[in-house]
C-alpha atoms as a PDB file:
ATOM      1  CA  MET A   1     -19.993  15.550   8.743  1.00  0.00           C
ATOM      2  CA  ARG A   2     -18.875  16.555  12.498  1.00  0.00           C
ATOM      3  CA  LEU A   3     -16.121  13.793  11.996  1.00  0.00           C
ATOM      4  CA  LEU A   4     -15.256  15.514   8.246  1.00  0.00           C
ATOM      5  CA  LYS A   5     -14.818  18.858   9.991  1.00  0.00           C
ATOM      6  CA  SER A   6     -12.854  17.589  12.915  1.00  0.00           C
ATOM      7  CA  LEU A   7     -10.008  15.763  10.317  1.00  0.00           C
ATOM      8  CA  PHE A   8      -9.987  18.865   8.425  1.00  0.00           C
ATOM      9  CA  ARG A   9      -9.196  20.461  11.320  1.00  0.00           C
ATOM     10  CA  SER A  10      -6.323  18.564  12.097  1.00  0.00           C
ATOM     11  CA  PRO A  11      -2.878  19.733  10.601  1.00  0.00           C
ATOM     12  CA  PHE A  12      -1.563  16.133  10.236  1.00  0.00           C
ATOM     13  CA  PHE A  13      -4.722  14.786   8.234  1.00  0.00           C
ATOM     14  CA  VAL A  14      -4.091  18.597   5.367  1.00  0.00           C
ATOM     15  CA  LEU A  15      -0.645  17.605   5.745  1.00  0.00           C
ATOM     16  CA  GLY A  16      -1.203  13.728   4.930  1.00  0.00           C
ATOM     17  CA  MET A  17      -3.852  14.182   2.186  1.00  0.00           C
ATOM     18  CA  SER A  18      -2.081  17.096   0.514  1.00  0.00           C
ATOM     19  CA  LEU A  19       0.800  14.971   0.263  1.00  0.00           C
ATOM     20  CA  PHE A  20      -1.060  11.961  -1.570  1.00  0.00           C
ATOM     21  CA  LEU A  21      -2.809  13.943  -3.574  1.00  0.00           C
ATOM     22  CA  LEU A  22       0.080  15.505  -5.292  1.00  0.00           C
ATOM     23  CA  THR A  23       2.037  12.241  -5.415  1.00  0.00           C
ATOM     24  CA  LEU A  24      -1.483  11.285  -6.811  1.00  0.00           C
ATOM     25  CA  LEU A  25      -1.948  14.112  -9.690  1.00  0.00           C
ATOM     26  CA  LEU A  26       1.557  13.917 -10.716  1.00  0.00           C
ATOM     27  CA  ALA A  27       0.885   9.903 -10.994  1.00  0.00           C
ATOM     28  CA  LEU A  28      -2.100  10.670 -13.233  1.00  0.00           C
ATOM     29  CA  LEU A  29      -1.868  14.158 -15.271  1.00  0.00           C
ATOM     30  CA  GLY A  30       2.219  14.860 -14.989  1.00  0.00           C
ATOM     31  CA  PRO A  31       2.795  12.490 -17.985  1.00  0.00           C
ATOM     32  CA  LEU A  32      -0.103  13.979 -20.060  1.00  0.00           C
ATOM     33  CA  LEU A  33       1.357  17.597 -18.868  1.00  0.00           C
ATOM     34  CA  LEU A  34       4.933  17.044 -19.734  1.00  0.00           C
ATOM     35  CA  HIS A  35       4.287  14.713 -22.734  1.00  0.00           C
ATOM     36  CA  ALA A  36       7.176  12.166 -21.307  1.00  0.00           C
ATOM     37  CA  ASN A  37       7.882   9.348 -22.783  1.00  0.00           C
ATOM     38  CA  VAL A  38       9.954   6.244 -21.006  1.00  0.00           C
ATOM     39  CA  ASN A  39      10.412   4.709 -23.857  1.00  0.00           C
ATOM     40  CA  GLU A  40      12.400   7.814 -25.732  1.00  0.00           C
ATOM     41  CA  ARG A  41      16.113   8.525 -25.062  1.00  0.00           C
ATOM     42  CA  VAL A  42      17.137  12.061 -25.469  1.00  0.00           C
ATOM     43  CA  GLY A  43      20.228  12.186 -24.975  1.00  0.00           C
ATOM     44  CA  LEU A  44      23.433  10.232 -23.247  1.00  0.00           C
ATOM     45  CA  ALA A  45      23.553   8.371 -19.988  1.00  0.00           C
ATOM     46  CA  TYR A  46      23.593  10.240 -17.395  1.00  0.00           C
ATOM     47  CA  MET A  47      23.028  13.547 -18.335  1.00  0.00           C
ATOM     48  CA  ALA A  48      23.065  15.936 -15.495  1.00  0.00           C
ATOM     49  CA  PRO A  49      20.126  18.010 -14.161  1.00  0.00           C
ATOM     50  CA  SER A  50      19.986  21.317 -17.171  1.00  0.00           C
ATOM     51  CA  SER A  51      17.106  23.083 -18.272  1.00  0.00           C
ATOM     52  CA  ALA A  52      16.378  20.985 -21.455  1.00  0.00           C
ATOM     53  CA  HIS A  53      15.680  18.008 -18.856  1.00  0.00           C
ATOM     54  CA  TRP A  54      15.356  19.092 -15.216  1.00  0.00           C
ATOM     55  CA  LEU A  55      16.336  15.982 -13.467  1.00  0.00           C
ATOM     56  CA  GLY A  56      18.995  14.538 -15.966  1.00  0.00           C
ATOM     57  CA  THR A  57      18.893  11.570 -17.760  1.00  0.00           C
ATOM     58  CA  ASP A  58      18.776   7.722 -16.482  1.00  0.00           C
ATOM     59  CA  HIS A  59      21.683   5.286 -17.478  1.00  0.00           C
ATOM     60  CA  MET A  60      19.584   4.908 -21.473  1.00  0.00           C
ATOM     61  CA  GLY A  61      19.592   8.204 -21.783  1.00  0.00           C
ATOM     62  CA  VAL A  62      15.873   7.905 -21.160  1.00  0.00           C
ATOM     63  CA  ASP A  63      14.214  11.602 -19.037  1.00  0.00           C
ATOM     64  CA  MET A  64      13.977  10.955 -15.747  1.00  0.00           C
ATOM     65  CA  ILE A  65      11.053  12.538 -14.784  1.00  0.00           C
ATOM     66  CA  ALA A  66       8.927  11.003 -17.650  1.00  0.00           C
ATOM     67  CA  MET A  67      10.700   8.031 -15.236  1.00  0.00           C
ATOM     68  CA  LEU A  68       9.901   8.659 -12.290  1.00  0.00           C
ATOM     69  CA  LEU A  69       6.191   9.812 -13.262  1.00  0.00           C
ATOM     70  CA  ALA A  70       5.837   6.010 -14.729  1.00  0.00           C
ATOM     71  CA  GLY A  71       7.284   4.663 -11.319  1.00  0.00           C
ATOM     72  CA  LEU A  72       4.638   6.634  -9.428  1.00  0.00           C
ATOM     73  CA  ARG A  73       2.007   5.353 -11.317  1.00  0.00           C
ATOM     74  CA  SER A  74       2.990   2.178 -11.181  1.00  0.00           C
ATOM     75  CA  SER A  75       3.886   1.652  -7.218  1.00  0.00           C
ATOM     76  CA  LEU A  76       1.096   3.934  -6.608  1.00  0.00           C
ATOM     77  CA  TYR A  77      -0.595   0.951  -8.845  1.00  0.00           C
ATOM     78  CA  VAL A  78       0.941  -1.860  -7.102  1.00  0.00           C
ATOM     79  CA  GLY A  79      -0.074  -0.220  -3.705  1.00  0.00           C
ATOM     80  CA  PHE A  80      -3.432  -0.356  -3.890  1.00  0.00           C
ATOM     81  CA  LEU A  81      -4.441  -2.825  -5.730  1.00  0.00           C
ATOM     82  CA  ALA A  82      -2.346  -5.084  -2.661  1.00  0.00           C
ATOM     83  CA  GLY A  83      -3.938  -2.967   0.022  1.00  0.00           C
ATOM     84  CA  THR A  84      -7.530  -3.768  -1.316  1.00  0.00           C
ATOM     85  CA  VAL A  85      -6.703  -7.691  -2.030  1.00  0.00           C
ATOM     86  CA  ALA A  86      -4.790  -7.734   2.292  1.00  0.00           C
ATOM     87  CA  THR A  87      -7.863  -5.711   3.678  1.00  0.00           C
ATOM     88  CA  LEU A  88     -10.457  -7.935   1.812  1.00  0.00           C
ATOM     89  CA  VAL A  89      -8.847 -11.015   2.881  1.00  0.00           C
ATOM     90  CA  GLY A  90      -7.672 -10.280   6.643  1.00  0.00           C
ATOM     91  CA  THR A  91     -11.545  -8.422   7.336  1.00  0.00           C
ATOM     92  CA  LEU A  92     -13.297 -11.199   6.355  1.00  0.00           C
ATOM     93  CA  ILE A  93     -10.766 -14.027   8.510  1.00  0.00           C
ATOM     94  CA  GLY A  94     -11.051 -11.483  11.333  1.00  0.00           C
ATOM     95  CA  LEU A  95     -14.801 -10.772  10.836  1.00  0.00           C
ATOM     96  CA  TYR A  96     -15.838 -14.325  10.648  1.00  0.00           C
ATOM     97  CA  GLY A  97     -14.116 -15.433  13.538  1.00  0.00           C
ATOM     98  CA  GLY A  98     -14.560 -13.081  15.780  1.00  0.00           C
ATOM     99  CA  TYR A  99     -18.159 -13.386  15.306  1.00  0.00           C
ATOM    100  CA  LYS A 100     -17.998 -17.505  15.324  1.00  0.00           C
ATOM    101  CA  GLY A 101     -15.654 -17.706  18.655  1.00  0.00           C
ATOM    102  CA  GLY A 102     -15.271 -21.293  19.710  1.00  0.00           C
ATOM    103  CA  TRP A 103     -13.396 -23.498  17.274  1.00  0.00           C
ATOM    104  CA  VAL A 104     -13.692 -21.451  13.982  1.00  0.00           C
ATOM    105  CA  ASP A 105     -12.470 -18.572  16.416  1.00  0.00           C
ATOM    106  CA  ASP A 106      -9.723 -20.951  17.133  1.00  0.00           C
ATOM    107  CA  LEU A 107      -8.915 -22.692  13.465  1.00  0.00           C
ATOM    108  CA  LEU A 108      -8.807 -19.404  11.988  1.00  0.00           C
ATOM    109  CA  THR A 109      -6.545 -17.528  14.851  1.00  0.00           C
ATOM    110  CA  LEU A 110      -4.254 -20.384  14.770  1.00  0.00           C
ATOM    111  CA  GLY A 111      -3.746 -20.325  10.641  1.00  0.00           C
ATOM    112  CA  THR A 112      -3.178 -16.908  10.551  1.00  0.00           C
ATOM    113  CA  ASN A 113      -0.146 -17.110  13.405  1.00  0.00           C
ATOM    114  CA  LEU A 114       0.833 -19.291  10.833  1.00  0.00           C
ATOM    115  CA  PHE A 115       1.133 -17.646   8.814  1.00  0.00           C
ATOM    116  CA  LEU A 116       2.040 -14.305  10.568  1.00  0.00           C
ATOM    117  CA  VAL A 117       5.464 -16.667  12.567  1.00  0.00           C
ATOM    118  CA  ILE A 118       6.577 -17.061   8.522  1.00  0.00           C
ATOM    119  CA  PRO A 119       8.529 -13.791   6.958  1.00  0.00           C
ATOM    120  CA  SER A 120       6.451 -12.828   4.260  1.00  0.00           C
ATOM    121  CA  LEU A 121       9.376 -11.081   2.521  1.00  0.00           C
ATOM    122  CA  ILE A 122      10.927 -14.198   2.210  1.00  0.00           C
ATOM    123  CA  VAL A 123       7.886 -15.773   0.869  1.00  0.00           C
ATOM    124  CA  LEU A 124       7.703 -12.642  -1.459  1.00  0.00           C
ATOM    125  CA  ILE A 125      11.164 -13.489  -2.363  1.00  0.00           C
ATOM    126  CA  LEU A 126      10.073 -17.191  -3.315  1.00  0.00           C
ATOM    127  CA  LEU A 127       6.962 -16.288  -5.016  1.00  0.00           C
ATOM    128  CA  SER A 128       8.296 -13.633  -7.546  1.00  0.00           C
ATOM    129  CA  ALA A 129      11.880 -15.843  -7.884  1.00  0.00           C
ATOM    130  CA  SER A 130       9.448 -19.191  -9.269  1.00  0.00           C
ATOM    131  CA  ILE A 131       7.734 -16.648 -11.975  1.00  0.00           C
ATOM    132  CA  GLU A 132      10.105 -16.752 -14.527  1.00  0.00           C
ATOM    133  CA  ASP A 133       8.437 -14.842 -17.360  1.00  0.00           C
ATOM    134  CA  GLY A 134       4.952 -12.824 -16.845  1.00  0.00           C
ATOM    135  CA  ARG A 135       6.009 -11.231 -13.443  1.00  0.00           C
ATOM    136  CA  SER A 136       3.202  -8.290 -14.514  1.00  0.00           C
ATOM    137  CA  LEU A 137       2.329  -5.342 -12.122  1.00  0.00           C
ATOM    138  CA  THR A 138      -0.558  -6.654 -11.113  1.00  0.00           C
ATOM    139  CA  LEU A 139       0.600 -10.051 -10.200  1.00  0.00           C
ATOM    140  CA  ILE A 140       3.385  -8.660  -7.708  1.00  0.00           C
ATOM    141  CA  ALA A 141       0.137  -6.735  -6.406  1.00  0.00           C
ATOM    142  CA  LEU A 142      -1.940  -9.950  -5.881  1.00  0.00           C
ATOM    143  CA  ILE A 143       1.298 -11.422  -4.719  1.00  0.00           C
ATOM    144  CA  ILE A 144       2.473  -9.168  -2.086  1.00  0.00           C
ATOM    145  CA  GLY A 145      -1.642  -9.107  -0.657  1.00  0.00           C
ATOM    146  CA  CYS A 146      -2.304 -12.477  -0.289  1.00  0.00           C
ATOM    147  CA  THR A 147       1.064 -12.276   1.809  1.00  0.00           C
ATOM    148  CA  THR A 148       0.209  -9.373   4.139  1.00  0.00           C
ATOM    149  CA  TRP A 149      -3.303  -9.960   5.251  1.00  0.00           C
ATOM    150  CA  THR A 150      -2.346 -11.832   8.918  1.00  0.00           C
ATOM    151  CA  TRP A 151      -2.019  -8.626  10.607  1.00  0.00           C
ATOM    152  CA  SER A 152      -4.481  -7.140   9.237  1.00  0.00           C
ATOM    153  CA  ALA A 153      -6.939 -10.222  10.585  1.00  0.00           C
ATOM    154  CA  ARG A 154      -5.455  -9.910  13.797  1.00  0.00           C
ATOM    155  CA  ALA A 155      -6.687  -6.509  14.139  1.00  0.00           C
ATOM    156  CA  VAL A 156     -10.340  -6.513  13.084  1.00  0.00           C
ATOM    157  CA  ARG A 157     -10.906 -10.423  14.373  1.00  0.00           C
ATOM    158  CA  ALA A 158      -9.805  -8.167  18.054  1.00  0.00           C
ATOM    159  CA  GLN A 159     -12.588  -5.598  16.789  1.00  0.00           C
ATOM    160  CA  ALA A 160     -15.182  -7.917  16.084  1.00  0.00           C
ATOM    161  CA  SER A 161     -14.877 -10.252  18.933  1.00  0.00           C
ATOM    162  CA  SER A 162     -15.467  -6.988  21.352  1.00  0.00           C
ATOM    163  CA  LEU A 163     -19.012  -6.435  19.138  1.00  0.00           C
ATOM    164  CA  ARG A 164     -19.694  -9.550  19.053  1.00  0.00           C
ATOM    165  CA  SER A 165     -21.402  -9.047  22.583  1.00  0.00           C
ATOM    166  CA  ARG A 166     -23.271  -6.351  22.336  1.00  0.00           C
ATOM    167  CA  ASP A 167     -26.703  -5.940  22.605  1.00  0.00           C
ATOM    168  CA  HIS A 168     -28.055  -5.294  19.435  1.00  0.00           C
ATOM    169  CA  VAL A 169     -25.926  -8.280  17.792  1.00  0.00           C
ATOM    170  CA  ALA A 170     -27.637 -10.179  20.483  1.00  0.00           C
ATOM    171  CA  LEU A 171     -31.447  -8.752  19.036  1.00  0.00           C
ATOM    172  CA  ALA A 172     -30.323  -9.440  15.867  1.00  0.00           C
ATOM    173  CA  ARG A 173     -29.904 -13.318  16.450  1.00  0.00           C
ATOM    174  CA  ILE A 174     -32.882 -13.610  18.545  1.00  0.00           C
ATOM    175  CA  ASN A 175     -34.748 -11.629  15.110  1.00  0.00           C
ATOM    176  CA  GLY A 176     -33.154 -14.450  12.937  1.00  0.00           C
ATOM    177  CA  TYR A 177     -30.848 -12.984  11.094  1.00  0.00           C
ATOM    178  CA  GLY A 178     -28.082 -15.702  10.305  1.00  0.00           C
ATOM    179  CA  THR A 179     -24.138 -15.277  10.475  1.00  0.00           C
ATOM    180  CA  PHE A 180     -23.836 -13.448   6.775  1.00  0.00           C
ATOM    181  CA  GLY A 181     -26.908 -10.427   8.147  1.00  0.00           C
ATOM    182  CA  ILE A 182     -25.634 -10.178  11.460  1.00  0.00           C
ATOM    183  CA  VAL A 183     -21.822  -9.426  10.309  1.00  0.00           C
ATOM    184  CA  THR A 184     -22.233  -7.650   7.053  1.00  0.00           C
ATOM    185  CA  VAL A 185     -25.116  -5.099   8.704  1.00  0.00           C
ATOM    186  CA  HIS A 186     -24.658  -5.147  12.455  1.00  0.00           C
ATOM    187  CA  ILE A 187     -20.678  -5.489  12.745  1.00  0.00           C
ATOM    188  CA  MET A 188     -19.313  -4.602   9.943  1.00  0.00           C
ATOM    189  CA  PRO A 189     -20.717  -0.430   9.298  1.00  0.00           C
ATOM    190  CA  TYR A 190     -18.905  -0.238  13.270  1.00  0.00           C
ATOM    191  CA  LEU A 191     -15.503  -0.979  11.808  1.00  0.00           C
ATOM    192  CA  LEU A 192     -15.726   0.697   8.618  1.00  0.00           C
ATOM    193  CA  SER A 193     -13.640   4.022  10.145  1.00  0.00           C
ATOM    194  CA  TYR A 194     -10.935   0.762  11.282  1.00  0.00           C
ATOM    195  CA  ILE A 195     -11.049  -1.020   8.639  1.00  0.00           C
ATOM    196  CA  PHE A 196     -10.296   1.864   6.190  1.00  0.00           C
ATOM    197  CA  MET A 197      -7.388   2.424   8.681  1.00  0.00           C
ATOM    198  CA  VAL A 198      -5.789  -0.442   7.687  1.00  0.00           C
ATOM    199  CA  PHE A 199      -6.340  -0.525   4.203  1.00  0.00           C
ATOM    200  CA  ILE A 200      -4.063   2.701   4.502  1.00  0.00           C
ATOM    201  CA  LEU A 201      -1.248   0.707   6.056  1.00  0.00           C
ATOM    202  CA  GLN A 202      -1.995  -2.399   4.008  1.00  0.00           C
ATOM    203  CA  MET A 203      -1.204   0.208   1.477  1.00  0.00           C
ATOM    204  CA  ALA A 204       2.178   2.274   2.547  1.00  0.00           C
ATOM    205  CA  ALA A 205       3.468  -1.894   3.176  1.00  0.00           C
ATOM    206  CA  GLY A 206       2.125  -2.716  -0.409  1.00  0.00           C
ATOM    207  CA  ILE A 207       4.870  -0.010  -1.748  1.00  0.00           C
ATOM    208  CA  LEU A 208       7.018  -0.634   0.156  1.00  0.00           C
ATOM    209  CA  SER A 209       6.775  -4.602  -0.433  1.00  0.00           C
ATOM    210  CA  GLU A 210       7.226  -3.918  -4.024  1.00  0.00           C
ATOM    211  CA  ALA A 211      10.075  -0.875  -3.817  1.00  0.00           C
ATOM    212  CA  SER A 212      12.077  -4.233  -1.897  1.00  0.00           C
ATOM    213  CA  LEU A 213      11.037  -7.023  -4.092  1.00  0.00           C
ATOM    214  CA  SER A 214      12.370  -4.580  -7.637  1.00  0.00           C
ATOM    215  CA  MET A 215      15.811  -3.519  -5.326  1.00  0.00           C
ATOM    216  CA  LEU A 216      16.077  -7.178  -5.429  1.00  0.00           C
ATOM    217  CA  GLY A 217      15.967  -7.628  -9.687  1.00  0.00           C
ATOM    218  CA  LEU A 218      12.536  -9.410  -8.750  1.00  0.00           C
ATOM    219  CA  GLY A 219      10.350  -6.660  -9.749  1.00  0.00           C
ATOM    220  CA  PRO A 220       7.559  -6.511 -12.656  1.00  0.00           C
ATOM    221  CA  TYR A 221       9.551  -7.077 -16.104  1.00  0.00           C
ATOM    222  CA  ASP A 222       7.066  -5.160 -18.527  1.00  0.00           C
ATOM    223  CA  SER A 223       6.917  -2.154 -16.691  1.00  0.00           C
ATOM    224  CA  VAL A 224       8.667   0.824 -14.388  1.00  0.00           C
ATOM    225  CA  SER A 225       8.152   1.278 -11.263  1.00  0.00           C
ATOM    226  CA  LEU A 226      10.476   3.420  -8.216  1.00  0.00           C
ATOM    227  CA  GLY A 227      11.494   0.521  -6.679  1.00  0.00           C
ATOM    228  CA  LYS A 228      12.858  -0.425 -10.161  1.00  0.00           C
ATOM    229  CA  ILE A 229      14.148   3.183 -10.931  1.00  0.00           C
ATOM    230  CA  LEU A 230      16.623   2.521  -7.548  1.00  0.00           C
ATOM    231  CA  ASN A 231      17.162  -1.044  -9.011  1.00  0.00           C
ATOM    232  CA  GLU A 232      18.760   0.119 -12.592  1.00  0.00           C
ATOM    233  CA  ALA A 233      20.671   2.639 -10.486  1.00  0.00           C
ATOM    234  CA  LYS A 234      22.418   0.325  -8.541  1.00  0.00           C
ATOM    235  CA  THR A 235      22.882  -1.864 -11.262  1.00  0.00           C
ATOM    236  CA  ASN A 236      24.583   0.026 -13.396  1.00  0.00           C
ATOM    237  CA  GLU A 237      26.702   2.020 -10.736  1.00  0.00           C
ATOM    238  CA  ALA A 238      24.653   5.595 -10.935  1.00  0.00           C
ATOM    239  CA  LEU A 239      26.048   5.741  -7.392  1.00  0.00           C
ATOM    240  CA  THR A 240      29.914   5.171  -8.392  1.00  0.00           C
ATOM    241  CA  ASP A 241      29.448   7.488 -10.941  1.00  0.00           C
ATOM    242  CA  GLY A 242      28.259  10.201  -9.141  1.00  0.00           C
ATOM    243  CA  ALA A 243      24.630  10.059 -11.099  1.00  0.00           C
ATOM    244  CA  TRP A 244      22.696  11.041  -7.549  1.00  0.00           C
ATOM    245  CA  TRP A 245      19.506  12.247  -9.985  1.00  0.00           C
ATOM    246  CA  ALA A 246      19.282   8.508 -11.002  1.00  0.00           C
ATOM    247  CA  PHE A 247      18.237   7.292  -7.532  1.00  0.00           C
ATOM    248  CA  ALA A 248      17.806  10.566  -5.220  1.00  0.00           C
ATOM    249  CA  PRO A 249      14.509  11.741  -7.011  1.00  0.00           C
ATOM    250  CA  ALA A 250      12.557   7.687  -6.827  1.00  0.00           C
ATOM    251  CA  MET A 251      13.642   7.397  -3.137  1.00  0.00           C
ATOM    252  CA  VAL A 252      11.710  10.956  -1.963  1.00  0.00           C
ATOM    253  CA  LEU A 253       9.104  10.067  -3.985  1.00  0.00           C
ATOM    254  CA  ILE A 254       8.490   6.397  -1.642  1.00  0.00           C
ATOM    255  CA  THR A 255       9.058   8.194   1.857  1.00  0.00           C
ATOM    256  CA  LEU A 256       6.883  10.720   0.491  1.00  0.00           C
ATOM    257  CA  ILE A 257       3.767   8.245  -0.155  1.00  0.00           C
ATOM    258  CA  VAL A 258       4.864   5.970   2.621  1.00  0.00           C
ATOM    259  CA  PHE A 259       4.756   9.405   4.902  1.00  0.00           C
ATOM    260  CA  SER A 260       2.143  10.827   3.816  1.00  0.00           C
ATOM    261  CA  LEU A 261       0.252   7.457   4.380  1.00  0.00           C
ATOM    262  CA  TYR A 262       1.444   6.981   7.815  1.00  0.00           C
ATOM    263  CA  ILE A 263       0.212  10.630   8.938  1.00  0.00           C
ATOM    264  CA  ILE A 264      -3.869  10.201   7.824  1.00  0.00           C
ATOM    265  CA  ASN A 265      -3.364   6.759   9.296  1.00  0.00           C
ATOM    266  CA  THR A 266      -2.136   8.204  12.574  1.00  0.00           C
ATOM    267  CA  SER A 267      -4.527  11.824  12.377  1.00  0.00           C
ATOM    268  CA  LEU A 268      -7.545   9.242  11.354  1.00  0.00           C
ATOM    269  CA  GLU A 269      -6.848   7.389  14.500  1.00  0.00           C
ATOM    270  CA  GLY A 270      -6.274  10.449  16.890  1.00  0.00           C
ATOM    271  CA  VAL A 271     -10.003  11.122  14.874  1.00  0.00           C
ATOM    272  CA  PHE A 272     -11.907   8.156  15.481  1.00  0.00           C
ATOM    273  CA  ASN A 273     -10.184   6.807  18.855  1.00  0.00           C
ATOM    274  CA  PRO A 274     -12.398   8.837  21.527  1.00  0.00           C
ATOM    275  CA  ARG A 275      -9.445   8.472  23.878  1.00  0.00           C
ATOM    276  CA  LEU A 276      -6.335   9.572  21.648  1.00  0.00           C
ATOM    277  CA  ARG A 277      -8.977  12.704  21.241  1.00  0.00           C
ATOM    278  CA  LYS A 278      -8.803  12.991  25.416  1.00  0.00           C
END
């Protein structure tokens, strides 16, 4: 309860959470409230914003608000799923290696470092390009999550290593707890706040990774995302035609989501880390 009060006294946390919840509500309720349909052509290509269509139309004559709401939902879904996968993989490897130490830790650290030196964006591009059919949002999110877990593993491993020598962990060993019991009961609860902050950063990274892939034409086939909106605007020369509404709002939404997640993470770190509070 005290931590919650500290969080809500932080203007950065309130601002970040308000912005993120606003984008989440737009993604979930916007299509229902505004009756937005990405499959309906409402006018000509690149119609300027008007009272009928507040953000104009895209190159196909589809209402841009409908496209943006659908893209927002897709980008948040990819970010959430990719962040969850990356956090789970990184946390499991980091916890196990940090607690066990010795050759197990050395082996897992070596594997993590090998993955870390390989540029994840290049791996993402190669894997996405190799999938010619069936490149769905879920598959892209899984690929992103499975290629961006390395820095999470390193961060969690450092925390788990510092807890390995604590008295309560030594007492658990004496009482006969196995590795699984010690890691899940006596180490992980102390890292939940840290793992949650890792998830927030991984979610932001997932949204940016999907936008990067879509900008390169390697986004989902069957769905609209904010990155795919930018790619279509570039491909169909929206900038040349002066149709700023075809790409600027999508850029603003991506920036807004990532910015809100980063300041949420910063405010959480300020509350959970006593040294930063001082």
